[in-house]
Amino acid sequence: MMEAKNVTKHYPQGSRIVKALQGVSLRIESGEFISIMGPSGSGKSTLMHLLGALDTPTTGEVYFQGRPLHLMSDRELAALRRESIGFIFQFFNLLPTLQAVENVALPLLLSGVSRGEALIPAYEGLERVGLRDRAEHFPDEMSGGEMQRVAIARALVIQPEAVICDEPTGNLDSANSEEILKLLRSLPEPGKRSVVMVTHDAHAARFGDRIVHIRDGLVESEEWIRDKPDSNMPLAAARSLGDSGIN
């Protein structure tokens, strides 16, 4: 599904070269939920950027559904991100001048879908995450937990083959973090959608099927999770999420 083969990533910093990744190989199967953990500066975010087609490696190869990202043009990479990968960020990245439903519909609008057609799956997406009644609200009228659920609905509106999460609970309190993690746990589809989550939170990481530990630009170890936290929560049951969130 997604694969990195002996990738390196080097950045010039003044007179020296920062070696963010130093030969990482990692394969993520369709339907798998992978958590990537590591200390600050370990290279975990760089690896996420490569897997999500947001950056290209210095050396090595990256594949998405068998397609060699390292050989694709900028236009092809942009189309891949727009059509096949959903992104969820720590700080939500919602447009403050758009209502929740408009924020969710935005990826479709940018792909040329008409407003009327784009709003249908956007409303359905908000219903799925328990926020249909907040569809016409603006981000500054929502809690942190609600904004992150809008961001999740936005990531899913394109029916992506992969969802990439960058510290998705890093800006939330513990109660909202737990509910967002339960929601993320429901996203992988066996043989179809994969989820990759970068996190510094050991508890959050255990919602994945596998934890990949990164240190000094290398894969230090991998851990398969057998006993995951309880995540049996229907998506619509997230109605109470955000009541104590960060505004």
C-alpha atoms as a PDB file:
ATOM      1  CA  MET A   1       0.000   0.000   0.000  1.00  0.00           C
ATOM      2  CA  MET A   2       2.671   2.477   1.148  1.00  0.00           C
ATOM      3  CA  GLU A   3       6.339   1.607   1.167  1.00  0.00           C
ATOM      4  CA  ALA A   4       9.638   3.362   1.775  1.00  0.00           C
ATOM      5  CA  LYS A   5      12.767   1.581   0.554  1.00  0.00           C
ATOM      6  CA  ASN A   6      16.057   2.652   2.111  1.00  0.00           C
ATOM      7  CA  VAL A   7      15.097   6.337   2.062  1.00  0.00           C
ATOM      8  CA  THR A   8      17.334   9.127   3.225  1.00  0.00           C
ATOM      9  CA  LYS A   9      16.499  12.789   3.629  1.00  0.00           C
ATOM     10  CA  HIS A  10      19.201  15.412   4.084  1.00  0.00           C
ATOM     11  CA  TYR A  11      18.656  19.139   4.634  1.00  0.00           C
ATOM     12  CA  PRO A  12      21.302  21.867   4.341  1.00  0.00           C
ATOM     13  CA  GLN A  13      21.508  23.969   7.503  1.00  0.00           C
ATOM     14  CA  GLY A  14      24.112  26.680   7.157  1.00  0.00           C
ATOM     15  CA  SER A  15      27.459  25.037   6.560  1.00  0.00           C
ATOM     16  CA  ARG A  16      26.323  21.572   7.653  1.00  0.00           C
ATOM     17  CA  ILE A  17      23.936  18.881   6.450  1.00  0.00           C
ATOM     18  CA  VAL A  18      21.168  17.607   8.723  1.00  0.00           C
ATOM     19  CA  LYS A  19      20.515  13.908   8.101  1.00  0.00           C
ATOM     20  CA  ALA A  20      16.836  13.609   9.049  1.00  0.00           C
ATOM     21  CA  LEU A  21      16.532  10.052   7.721  1.00  0.00           C
ATOM     22  CA  GLN A  22      19.470   7.718   7.216  1.00  0.00           C
ATOM     23  CA  GLY A  23      18.140   4.694   5.348  1.00  0.00           C
ATOM     24  CA  VAL A  24      14.614   3.836   6.481  1.00  0.00           C
ATOM     25  CA  SER A  25      12.621   0.971   5.018  1.00  0.00           C
ATOM     26  CA  LEU A  26       8.974   0.535   5.997  1.00  0.00           C
ATOM     27  CA  ARG A  27       5.960  -1.158   4.429  1.00  0.00           C
ATOM     28  CA  ILE A  28       2.368  -0.353   5.415  1.00  0.00           C
ATOM     29  CA  GLU A  29      -0.317  -2.739   4.226  1.00  0.00           C
ATOM     30  CA  SER A  30      -3.798  -1.787   3.046  1.00  0.00           C
ATOM     31  CA  GLY A  31      -6.119  -1.524   6.038  1.00  0.00           C
ATOM     32  CA  GLU A  32      -3.292  -1.227   8.555  1.00  0.00           C
ATOM     33  CA  PHE A  33      -3.076   1.446  11.281  1.00  0.00           C
ATOM     34  CA  ILE A  34       0.547   2.411  11.941  1.00  0.00           C
ATOM     35  CA  SER A  35       1.736   4.684  14.744  1.00  0.00           C
ATOM     36  CA  ILE A  36       5.135   6.346  14.288  1.00  0.00           C
ATOM     37  CA  MET A  37       6.826   7.427  17.503  1.00  0.00           C
ATOM     38  CA  GLY A  38      10.123   9.099  18.300  1.00  0.00           C
ATOM     39  CA  PRO A  39      11.692  11.998  20.175  1.00  0.00           C
ATOM     40  CA  SER A  40      11.859  15.485  18.713  1.00  0.00           C
ATOM     41  CA  GLY A  41      14.278  15.507  15.783  1.00  0.00           C
ATOM     42  CA  SER A  42      14.125  11.741  15.300  1.00  0.00           C
ATOM     43  CA  GLY A  43      12.863  11.974  11.716  1.00  0.00           C
ATOM     44  CA  LYS A  44       9.292  10.759  12.314  1.00  0.00           C
ATOM     45  CA  SER A  45       7.649  13.816  10.732  1.00  0.00           C
ATOM     46  CA  THR A  46      10.042  13.658   7.788  1.00  0.00           C
ATOM     47  CA  LEU A  47       9.057  10.035   7.202  1.00  0.00           C
ATOM     48  CA  MET A  48       5.384  11.014   7.364  1.00  0.00           C
ATOM     49  CA  HIS A  49       5.958  13.723   4.761  1.00  0.00           C
ATOM     50  CA  LEU A  50       7.601  11.229   2.416  1.00  0.00           C
ATOM     51  CA  LEU A  51       4.835   8.635   2.816  1.00  0.00           C
ATOM     52  CA  GLY A  52       2.189  11.330   2.257  1.00  0.00           C
ATOM     53  CA  ALA A  53       3.821  12.636  -0.930  1.00  0.00           C
ATOM     54  CA  LEU A  54       4.483  16.008   0.739  1.00  0.00           C
ATOM     55  CA  ASP A  55       8.231  15.711   0.143  1.00  0.00           C
ATOM     56  CA  THR A  56      10.686  13.614  -1.848  1.00  0.00           C
ATOM     57  CA  PRO A  57      13.644  11.611  -0.505  1.00  0.00           C
ATOM     58  CA  THR A  58      17.273  12.531  -1.068  1.00  0.00           C
ATOM     59  CA  THR A  59      17.909   8.904  -1.983  1.00  0.00           C
ATOM     60  CA  GLY A  60      15.766   5.781  -1.921  1.00  0.00           C
ATOM     61  CA  GLU A  61      12.289   5.018  -3.202  1.00  0.00           C
ATOM     62  CA  VAL A  62       8.746   5.635  -1.968  1.00  0.00           C
ATOM     63  CA  TYR A  63       5.657   3.870  -3.347  1.00  0.00           C
ATOM     64  CA  PHE A  64       1.917   4.451  -2.951  1.00  0.00           C
ATOM     65  CA  GLN A  65      -0.279   1.621  -4.179  1.00  0.00           C
ATOM     66  CA  GLY A  66       2.659   0.485  -6.296  1.00  0.00           C
ATOM     67  CA  ARG A  67       3.175   3.906  -7.859  1.00  0.00           C
ATOM     68  CA  PRO A  68       6.746   5.243  -7.526  1.00  0.00           C
ATOM     69  CA  LEU A  69       6.370   8.664  -5.878  1.00  0.00           C
ATOM     70  CA  HIS A  70      10.044   9.453  -6.393  1.00  0.00           C
ATOM     71  CA  LEU A  71       9.481   9.375 -10.155  1.00  0.00           C
ATOM     72  CA  MET A  72       6.296  11.455 -10.260  1.00  0.00           C
ATOM     73  CA  SER A  73       6.103  15.114 -11.275  1.00  0.00           C
ATOM     74  CA  ASP A  74       4.961  17.849  -8.896  1.00  0.00           C
ATOM     75  CA  ARG A  75       1.617  17.954 -10.713  1.00  0.00           C
ATOM     76  CA  GLU A  76       1.158  14.202 -10.368  1.00  0.00           C
ATOM     77  CA  LEU A  77       2.057  14.324  -6.671  1.00  0.00           C
ATOM     78  CA  ALA A  78      -0.421  17.146  -6.097  1.00  0.00           C
ATOM     79  CA  ALA A  79      -3.158  15.139  -7.813  1.00  0.00           C
ATOM     80  CA  LEU A  80      -2.332  12.094  -5.695  1.00  0.00           C
ATOM     81  CA  ARG A  81      -2.577  14.098  -2.461  1.00  0.00           C
ATOM     82  CA  ARG A  82      -5.809  15.727  -3.581  1.00  0.00           C
ATOM     83  CA  GLU A  83      -7.519  12.513  -4.682  1.00  0.00           C
ATOM     84  CA  SER A  84      -6.099   9.666  -2.591  1.00  0.00           C
ATOM     85  CA  ILE A  85      -4.705  10.925   0.740  1.00  0.00           C
ATOM     86  CA  GLY A  86      -6.547  12.594   3.606  1.00  0.00           C
ATOM     87  CA  PHE A  87      -4.519  14.711   6.044  1.00  0.00           C
ATOM     88  CA  ILE A  88      -5.311  15.457   9.699  1.00  0.00           C
ATOM     89  CA  PHE A  89      -3.145  17.999  11.517  1.00  0.00           C
ATOM     90  CA  GLN A  90      -2.511  18.979  15.130  1.00  0.00           C
ATOM     91  CA  PHE A  91      -3.841  22.516  14.667  1.00  0.00           C
ATOM     92  CA  PHE A  92      -6.884  21.510  12.554  1.00  0.00           C
ATOM     93  CA  ASN A  93      -6.053  23.907   9.653  1.00  0.00           C
ATOM     94  CA  LEU A  94      -9.667  24.924   9.150  1.00  0.00           C
ATOM     95  CA  LEU A  95     -10.371  28.120   7.229  1.00  0.00           C
ATOM     96  CA  PRO A  96     -11.898  30.576   9.734  1.00  0.00           C
ATOM     97  CA  THR A  97     -14.125  32.274   7.161  1.00  0.00           C
ATOM     98  CA  LEU A  98     -15.838  29.029   6.122  1.00  0.00           C
ATOM     99  CA  GLN A  99     -18.585  27.166   7.931  1.00  0.00           C
ATOM    100  CA  ALA A 100     -17.919  23.607   9.060  1.00  0.00           C
ATOM    101  CA  VAL A 101     -19.696  22.085   6.067  1.00  0.00           C
ATOM    102  CA  GLU A 102     -17.770  24.357   3.697  1.00  0.00           C
ATOM    103  CA  ASN A 103     -14.471  23.342   5.291  1.00  0.00           C
ATOM    104  CA  VAL A 104     -15.373  19.686   4.799  1.00  0.00           C
ATOM    105  CA  ALA A 105     -16.425  20.279   1.187  1.00  0.00           C
ATOM    106  CA  LEU A 106     -13.251  22.224   0.349  1.00  0.00           C
ATOM    107  CA  PRO A 107     -11.182  19.302  -1.072  1.00  0.00           C
ATOM    108  CA  LEU A 108     -13.996  18.483  -3.466  1.00  0.00           C
ATOM    109  CA  LEU A 109     -14.433  22.128  -4.484  1.00  0.00           C
ATOM    110  CA  LEU A 110     -10.705  22.375  -5.199  1.00  0.00           C
ATOM    111  CA  SER A 111     -11.036  19.307  -7.429  1.00  0.00           C
ATOM    112  CA  GLY A 112     -13.671  21.036  -9.540  1.00  0.00           C
ATOM    113  CA  VAL A 113     -16.818  19.543  -8.019  1.00  0.00           C
ATOM    114  CA  SER A 114     -19.740  21.983  -8.010  1.00  0.00           C
ATOM    115  CA  ARG A 115     -20.767  23.514  -4.697  1.00  0.00           C
ATOM    116  CA  GLY A 116     -24.133  21.766  -4.695  1.00  0.00           C
ATOM    117  CA  GLU A 117     -22.599  18.359  -5.358  1.00  0.00           C
ATOM    118  CA  ALA A 118     -19.767  18.875  -2.854  1.00  0.00           C
ATOM    119  CA  LEU A 119     -22.080  19.839   0.002  1.00  0.00           C
ATOM    120  CA  ILE A 120     -23.957  16.505  -0.113  1.00  0.00           C
ATOM    121  CA  PRO A 121     -21.015  14.317   1.006  1.00  0.00           C
ATOM    122  CA  ALA A 122     -19.835  17.137   3.291  1.00  0.00           C
ATOM    123  CA  TYR A 123     -23.092  17.025   5.263  1.00  0.00           C
ATOM    124  CA  GLU A 124     -22.902  13.225   5.284  1.00  0.00           C
ATOM    125  CA  GLY A 125     -19.353  13.435   6.627  1.00  0.00           C
ATOM    126  CA  LEU A 126     -20.395  15.705   9.470  1.00  0.00           C
ATOM    127  CA  GLU A 127     -23.245  13.338  10.276  1.00  0.00           C
ATOM    128  CA  ARG A 128     -20.740  10.499  10.421  1.00  0.00           C
ATOM    129  CA  VAL A 129     -18.638  12.260  13.052  1.00  0.00           C
ATOM    130  CA  GLY A 130     -21.661  13.449  15.051  1.00  0.00           C
ATOM    131  CA  LEU A 131     -21.619  17.101  14.004  1.00  0.00           C
ATOM    132  CA  ARG A 132     -24.522  17.481  11.596  1.00  0.00           C
ATOM    133  CA  ASP A 133     -26.116  20.083  13.870  1.00  0.00           C
ATOM    134  CA  ARG A 134     -22.898  22.160  13.791  1.00  0.00           C
ATOM    135  CA  ALA A 135     -22.642  22.265   9.996  1.00  0.00           C
ATOM    136  CA  GLU A 136     -23.338  25.995   9.702  1.00  0.00           C
ATOM    137  CA  HIS A 137     -21.046  27.022  12.553  1.00  0.00           C
ATOM    138  CA  PHE A 138     -17.662  28.680  12.017  1.00  0.00           C
ATOM    139  CA  PRO A 139     -14.446  27.314  13.579  1.00  0.00           C
ATOM    140  CA  ASP A 140     -14.315  30.033  16.253  1.00  0.00           C
ATOM    141  CA  GLU A 141     -17.739  28.862  17.444  1.00  0.00           C
ATOM    142  CA  MET A 142     -16.476  25.323  18.077  1.00  0.00           C
ATOM    143  CA  SER A 143     -14.399  23.537  20.693  1.00  0.00           C
ATOM    144  CA  GLY A 144     -11.064  21.945  19.892  1.00  0.00           C
ATOM    145  CA  GLY A 145     -12.610  18.485  19.821  1.00  0.00           C
ATOM    146  CA  GLU A 146     -15.315  19.629  17.422  1.00  0.00           C
ATOM    147  CA  MET A 147     -12.791  21.294  15.125  1.00  0.00           C
ATOM    148  CA  GLN A 148     -10.733  18.122  14.971  1.00  0.00           C
ATOM    149  CA  ARG A 149     -13.827  16.116  14.078  1.00  0.00           C
ATOM    150  CA  VAL A 150     -14.527  18.584  11.259  1.00  0.00           C
ATOM    151  CA  ALA A 151     -10.929  18.059  10.118  1.00  0.00           C
ATOM    152  CA  ILE A 152     -11.456  14.287  10.152  1.00  0.00           C
ATOM    153  CA  ALA A 153     -14.645  14.649   8.097  1.00  0.00           C
ATOM    154  CA  ARG A 154     -12.713  16.834   5.639  1.00  0.00           C
ATOM    155  CA  ALA A 155      -9.957  14.210   5.344  1.00  0.00           C
ATOM    156  CA  LEU A 156     -12.544  11.512   4.580  1.00  0.00           C
ATOM    157  CA  VAL A 157     -14.705  13.431   2.114  1.00  0.00           C
ATOM    158  CA  ILE A 158     -12.551  12.360  -0.843  1.00  0.00           C
ATOM    159  CA  GLN A 159     -12.839   8.685   0.180  1.00  0.00           C
ATOM    160  CA  PRO A 160      -9.046   8.450   0.524  1.00  0.00           C
ATOM    161  CA  GLU A 161      -6.968   5.309   0.254  1.00  0.00           C
ATOM    162  CA  ALA A 162      -4.806   6.530   3.149  1.00  0.00           C
ATOM    163  CA  VAL A 163      -5.200   8.939   6.051  1.00  0.00           C
ATOM    164  CA  ILE A 164      -2.071  10.665   7.401  1.00  0.00           C
ATOM    165  CA  CYS A 165      -2.311  12.120  10.919  1.00  0.00           C
ATOM    166  CA  ASP A 166       0.283  14.513  12.348  1.00  0.00           C
ATOM    167  CA  GLU A 167      -0.048  14.655  16.171  1.00  0.00           C
ATOM    168  CA  PRO A 168      -3.872  14.684  15.850  1.00  0.00           C
ATOM    169  CA  THR A 169      -4.424  14.889  19.624  1.00  0.00           C
ATOM    170  CA  GLY A 170      -1.532  17.225  20.411  1.00  0.00           C
ATOM    171  CA  ASN A 171      -3.782  20.275  20.849  1.00  0.00           C
ATOM    172  CA  LEU A 172      -6.565  18.579  22.819  1.00  0.00           C
ATOM    173  CA  ASP A 173      -7.250  17.796  26.460  1.00  0.00           C
ATOM    174  CA  SER A 174      -7.219  14.172  27.618  1.00  0.00           C
ATOM    175  CA  ALA A 175     -10.974  13.600  27.330  1.00  0.00           C
ATOM    176  CA  ASN A 176     -11.170  14.874  23.771  1.00  0.00           C
ATOM    177  CA  SER A 177      -7.943  13.089  22.842  1.00  0.00           C
ATOM    178  CA  GLU A 178      -9.450   9.765  23.862  1.00  0.00           C
ATOM    179  CA  GLU A 179     -12.557  10.283  21.751  1.00  0.00           C
ATOM    180  CA  ILE A 180     -10.568  11.413  18.714  1.00  0.00           C
ATOM    181  CA  LEU A 181      -8.358   8.322  19.018  1.00  0.00           C
ATOM    182  CA  LYS A 182     -11.438   6.095  19.111  1.00  0.00           C
ATOM    183  CA  LEU A 183     -12.669   7.835  15.985  1.00  0.00           C
ATOM    184  CA  LEU A 184      -9.328   7.370  14.221  1.00  0.00           C
ATOM    185  CA  ARG A 185      -9.290   3.704  15.229  1.00  0.00           C
ATOM    186  CA  SER A 186     -12.528   3.243  13.258  1.00  0.00           C
ATOM    187  CA  LEU A 187     -11.080   4.615  10.011  1.00  0.00           C
ATOM    188  CA  PRO A 188      -8.946   1.758   8.621  1.00  0.00           C
ATOM    189  CA  GLU A 189     -10.777  -0.574   6.250  1.00  0.00           C
ATOM    190  CA  PRO A 190      -9.426  -4.127   5.830  1.00  0.00           C
ATOM    191  CA  GLY A 191      -7.725  -4.400   2.462  1.00  0.00           C
ATOM    192  CA  LYS A 192      -8.526  -0.761   1.689  1.00  0.00           C
ATOM    193  CA  ARG A 193      -7.837   2.383   3.723  1.00  0.00           C
ATOM    194  CA  SER A 194      -4.683   2.653   5.826  1.00  0.00           C
ATOM    195  CA  VAL A 195      -3.965   5.121   8.619  1.00  0.00           C
ATOM    196  CA  VAL A 196      -0.538   6.494   9.548  1.00  0.00           C
ATOM    197  CA  MET A 197      -0.311   8.528  12.757  1.00  0.00           C
ATOM    198  CA  VAL A 198       2.735  10.394  14.026  1.00  0.00           C
ATOM    199  CA  THR A 199       2.550  10.923  17.780  1.00  0.00           C
ATOM    200  CA  HIS A 200       4.732  11.465  20.842  1.00  0.00           C
ATOM    201  CA  ASP A 201       2.006  10.010  23.104  1.00  0.00           C
ATOM    202  CA  ALA A 202       2.622   6.349  24.029  1.00  0.00           C
ATOM    203  CA  HIS A 203      -1.047   5.836  24.944  1.00  0.00           C
ATOM    204  CA  ALA A 204      -2.210   7.258  21.603  1.00  0.00           C
ATOM    205  CA  ALA A 205       0.264   5.079  19.729  1.00  0.00           C
ATOM    206  CA  ARG A 206      -1.318   1.942  21.171  1.00  0.00           C
ATOM    207  CA  PHE A 207      -4.493   2.570  19.168  1.00  0.00           C
ATOM    208  CA  GLY A 208      -2.519   1.432  16.129  1.00  0.00           C
ATOM    209  CA  ASP A 209      -1.909  -2.116  14.936  1.00  0.00           C
ATOM    210  CA  ARG A 210       1.831  -1.514  14.988  1.00  0.00           C
ATOM    211  CA  ILE A 211       4.163   1.072  16.524  1.00  0.00           C
ATOM    212  CA  VAL A 212       7.280   2.027  14.583  1.00  0.00           C
ATOM    213  CA  HIS A 213       9.888   3.646  16.820  1.00  0.00           C
ATOM    214  CA  ILE A 214      12.181   6.143  15.055  1.00  0.00           C
ATOM    215  CA  ARG A 215      15.416   7.459  16.521  1.00  0.00           C
ATOM    216  CA  ASP A 216      18.284   9.378  14.888  1.00  0.00           C
ATOM    217  CA  GLY A 217      16.782   8.929  11.430  1.00  0.00           C
ATOM    218  CA  LEU A 218      16.515   5.142  11.659  1.00  0.00           C
ATOM    219  CA  VAL A 219      13.855   2.587  12.564  1.00  0.00           C
ATOM    220  CA  GLU A 220      14.900   1.594  16.074  1.00  0.00           C
ATOM    221  CA  SER A 221      12.222  -1.060  16.649  1.00  0.00           C
ATOM    222  CA  GLU A 222       8.696  -2.170  15.769  1.00  0.00           C
ATOM    223  CA  GLU A 223       6.011  -3.282  18.184  1.00  0.00           C
ATOM    224  CA  TRP A 224       2.828  -5.152  17.310  1.00  0.00           C
ATOM    225  CA  ILE A 225      -0.150  -4.222  19.488  1.00  0.00           C
ATOM    226  CA  ARG A 226      -2.401  -7.072  20.546  1.00  0.00           C
ATOM    227  CA  ASP A 227      -4.395  -5.457  23.356  1.00  0.00           C
ATOM    228  CA  LYS A 228      -5.548  -2.111  21.988  1.00  0.00           C
ATOM    229  CA  PRO A 229      -7.453   0.416  24.132  1.00  0.00           C
ATOM    230  CA  ASP A 230     -11.215   0.038  23.966  1.00  0.00           C
ATOM    231  CA  SER A 231     -12.273   1.682  20.729  1.00  0.00           C
ATOM    232  CA  ASN A 232     -15.696   0.141  20.118  1.00  0.00           C
ATOM    233  CA  MET A 233     -17.554   3.394  19.573  1.00  0.00           C
ATOM    234  CA  PRO A 234     -19.886   4.066  16.635  1.00  0.00           C
ATOM    235  CA  LEU A 235     -18.885   7.262  14.879  1.00  0.00           C
ATOM    236  CA  ALA A 236     -22.225   8.906  15.492  1.00  0.00           C
ATOM    237  CA  ALA A 237     -21.810   8.207  19.191  1.00  0.00           C
ATOM    238  CA  ALA A 238     -19.181  10.916  19.360  1.00  0.00           C
ATOM    239  CA  ARG A 239     -21.920  13.452  19.985  1.00  0.00           C
ATOM    240  CA  SER A 240     -20.547  14.482  23.335  1.00  0.00           C
ATOM    241  CA  LEU A 241     -17.048  15.075  22.003  1.00  0.00           C
ATOM    242  CA  GLY A 242     -15.958  18.667  22.380  1.00  0.00           C
ATOM    243  CA  ASP A 243     -18.034  19.582  25.404  1.00  0.00           C
ATOM    244  CA  SER A 244     -14.831  20.112  27.356  1.00  0.00           C
ATOM    245  CA  GLY A 245     -12.581  20.918  24.393  1.00  0.00           C
ATOM    246  CA  ILE A 246     -10.165  23.751  23.828  1.00  0.00           C
ATOM    247  CA  ASN A 247     -11.830  26.781  22.263  1.00  0.00           C
END
